[in-house]
Amino acid sequence: MGTKFKVKANTQAADYNGKSYYFCCAGCPGPFNNNPGEYINKQ
């Protein structure tokens, strides 16, 4: 996580506390959804 990439129409995303978070690969949404605060605090 933390990789910069271009968001496209088919980019996977999750909403958390009113903000959208986008993922570069299929393996990222699961861990994020299990504990979003852990990943958001790393930014």
Protein backbone atom coordinates (compact mmCIF):
# COMPACT_ATOMS: atom_id res chain seq x y z
CA MET A 1 0.00 0.00 0.00
CA GLY A 2 1.07 3.54 -0.60
CA THR A 3 1.88 2.99 -4.27
CA LYS A 4 0.90 5.84 -6.59
CA PHE A 5 -1.15 4.87 -9.66
CA LYS A 6 -3.89 6.26 -11.90
CA VAL A 7 -7.44 5.62 -10.74
CA LYS A 8 -9.64 4.22 -13.52
CA ALA A 9 -13.32 3.32 -13.71
CA ASN A 10 -12.60 -0.29 -12.71
CA THR A 11 -10.18 0.52 -9.85
CA GLN A 12 -11.19 -1.23 -6.62
CA ALA A 13 -12.13 1.11 -3.80
CA ALA A 14 -13.45 1.18 -0.25
CA ASP A 15 -15.16 4.00 1.63
CA TYR A 16 -14.18 4.71 5.21
CA ASN A 17 -15.32 7.69 7.31
CA GLY A 18 -16.67 9.46 4.23
CA LYS A 19 -13.47 9.14 2.19
CA SER A 20 -12.71 6.81 -0.73
CA TYR A 21 -9.54 4.73 -0.70
CA TYR A 22 -8.35 3.13 -3.95
CA PHE A 23 -6.32 -0.05 -4.39
CA CYS A 24 -3.76 -0.99 -7.02
CA CYS A 25 -4.29 -4.74 -6.76
CA ALA A 26 -6.95 -7.28 -5.79
CA GLY A 27 -5.13 -8.34 -2.60
CA CYS A 28 -5.31 -4.95 -0.90
CA PRO A 29 -9.02 -4.34 -0.14
CA GLY A 30 -9.37 -7.35 2.19
CA PRO A 31 -6.69 -6.37 4.71
CA PHE A 32 -7.79 -2.72 4.52
CA ASN A 33 -11.44 -3.60 5.20
CA ASN A 34 -10.42 -5.80 8.15
CA ASN A 35 -8.59 -2.92 9.88
CA PRO A 36 -8.77 0.40 7.99
CA GLY A 37 -7.30 2.46 10.82
CA GLU A 38 -4.04 0.53 10.67
CA TYR A 39 -3.51 1.46 7.03
CA ILE A 40 -4.82 5.03 7.18
CA ASN A 41 -2.46 5.90 10.03
CA LYS A 42 0.54 4.80 7.90
CA GLN A 43 -0.08 7.57 5.36
